[in-house]
């Protein structure tokens, strides 16, 4: 068994091809078991997964978008805006310190 990124192959892109040949092309064939000796979990139909799972990859609002709608922010959006503002403040201070 091998991990996708650790497959040796002796050249550019050959490791991934070897892994695909060994485990197949679909996600159902990929080894995703986290416990040694346990079988891989079975894939379920989409309707059997919780609704929140499908929102994980949705883009989150940017700082500019949050500032534009600032008076009407929810608590979750306000927390995100404060986090992004803090990050921006740290980045600005780092740039100013390098000069």
Protein backbone atom coordinates (compact mmCIF):
# COMPACT_ATOMS: atom_id res chain seq x y z
CA UNK A 1 0.00 0.00 0.00
CA UNK A 2 1.24 3.49 -0.75
CA UNK A 3 0.15 7.08 -0.34
CA UNK A 4 -0.57 9.11 -3.46
CA UNK A 5 2.13 11.69 -2.81
CA UNK A 6 4.83 9.25 -1.66
CA UNK A 7 4.77 6.91 -4.63
CA UNK A 8 8.15 6.64 -6.28
CA UNK A 9 8.23 6.18 -10.00
CA UNK A 10 11.51 7.32 -11.38
CA UNK A 11 10.27 10.33 -13.27
CA UNK A 12 7.86 13.18 -13.53
CA UNK A 13 4.26 12.03 -13.07
CA UNK A 14 4.99 8.31 -13.12
CA UNK A 15 4.27 7.80 -9.43
CA UNK A 16 0.69 8.96 -9.73
CA UNK A 17 0.11 6.75 -12.76
CA UNK A 18 1.43 3.77 -10.82
CA UNK A 19 -0.88 4.54 -7.91
CA UNK A 20 -3.88 4.85 -10.23
CA UNK A 21 -3.05 1.51 -11.81
CA UNK A 22 -2.72 -0.11 -8.40
CA UNK A 23 -5.87 1.31 -6.83
CA UNK A 24 -8.10 2.16 -9.78
CA UNK A 25 -9.50 5.38 -11.16
CA UNK A 26 -12.43 5.99 -8.82
CA UNK A 27 -12.62 7.29 -5.27
CA UNK A 28 -14.34 4.04 -4.28
CA UNK A 29 -11.08 2.21 -4.95
CA UNK A 30 -8.85 4.63 -3.03
CA UNK A 31 -7.51 3.38 0.33
CA UNK A 32 -8.99 5.74 2.93
CA UNK A 33 -9.06 3.54 6.02
CA UNK A 34 -7.31 5.26 8.93
CA UNK A 35 -6.97 2.14 11.05
CA UNK A 36 -4.53 -0.58 10.08
CA UNK A 37 -6.26 -3.84 9.23
CA UNK A 38 -9.71 -2.25 8.98
CA UNK A 39 -11.68 -2.30 5.72
CA UNK A 40 -12.17 0.92 3.78
CA UNK A 41 -15.47 2.70 4.51
CA UNK A 42 -18.16 2.25 1.89
CA UNK A 43 -19.35 5.26 -0.10
CA UNK A 44 -22.98 6.17 0.51
CA UNK A 45 -25.46 7.79 -1.87
CA UNK A 46 -25.41 11.60 -1.71
CA UNK A 47 -28.79 11.82 0.02
CA UNK A 48 -27.51 9.86 3.03
CA UNK A 49 -24.86 12.47 3.93
CA UNK A 50 -25.77 15.49 6.13
CA UNK A 51 -26.72 18.74 4.40
CA UNK A 52 -23.91 20.75 6.01
CA UNK A 53 -21.34 18.55 4.25
CA UNK A 54 -22.21 20.06 0.88
CA UNK A 55 -21.61 23.62 2.14
CA UNK A 56 -18.00 23.06 3.28
CA UNK A 57 -16.51 24.02 -0.08
CA UNK A 58 -18.67 27.11 -0.60
CA UNK A 59 -16.55 30.27 -0.76
CA UNK A 60 -16.58 32.31 2.42
CA UNK A 61 -17.13 36.09 2.23
CA UNK A 62 -14.02 38.23 1.92
CA UNK A 63 -13.16 41.18 4.15
CA UNK A 64 -14.32 43.63 1.48
CA UNK A 65 -17.68 41.88 1.14
CA UNK A 66 -18.15 41.83 4.90
CA UNK A 67 -17.28 45.53 5.27
CA UNK A 68 -19.83 46.37 2.56
CA UNK A 69 -22.64 44.70 4.47
CA UNK A 70 -21.34 45.64 7.94
CA UNK A 71 -24.53 46.95 9.59
CA UNK A 72 -26.42 43.74 8.81
CA UNK A 73 -23.83 41.14 9.85
CA UNK A 74 -24.72 38.02 11.79
CA UNK A 75 -22.60 37.04 14.78
CA UNK A 76 -20.78 34.43 12.69
CA UNK A 77 -20.04 36.97 9.95
CA UNK A 78 -18.90 39.55 12.52
CA UNK A 79 -16.47 37.05 14.03
CA UNK A 80 -15.10 36.26 10.57
CA UNK A 81 -14.71 39.96 9.79
CA UNK A 82 -12.78 40.56 13.03
CA UNK A 83 -10.54 37.58 12.27
CA UNK A 84 -9.82 38.84 8.75
CA UNK A 85 -9.20 42.39 10.01
CA UNK A 86 -6.74 41.05 12.58
CA UNK A 87 -4.92 39.07 9.88
CA UNK A 88 -4.72 42.14 7.67
CA UNK A 89 -3.41 44.23 10.59
CA UNK A 90 -0.67 41.65 11.25
CA UNK A 91 0.30 41.57 7.57
CA UNK A 92 0.45 45.37 7.43
CA UNK A 93 2.67 45.47 10.54
CA UNK A 94 4.97 42.82 9.07
CA UNK A 95 5.37 44.80 5.85
CA UNK A 96 6.01 48.02 7.80
CA UNK A 97 8.63 46.27 9.95
CA UNK A 98 10.60 45.07 6.94
CA UNK A 99 11.17 48.61 5.65
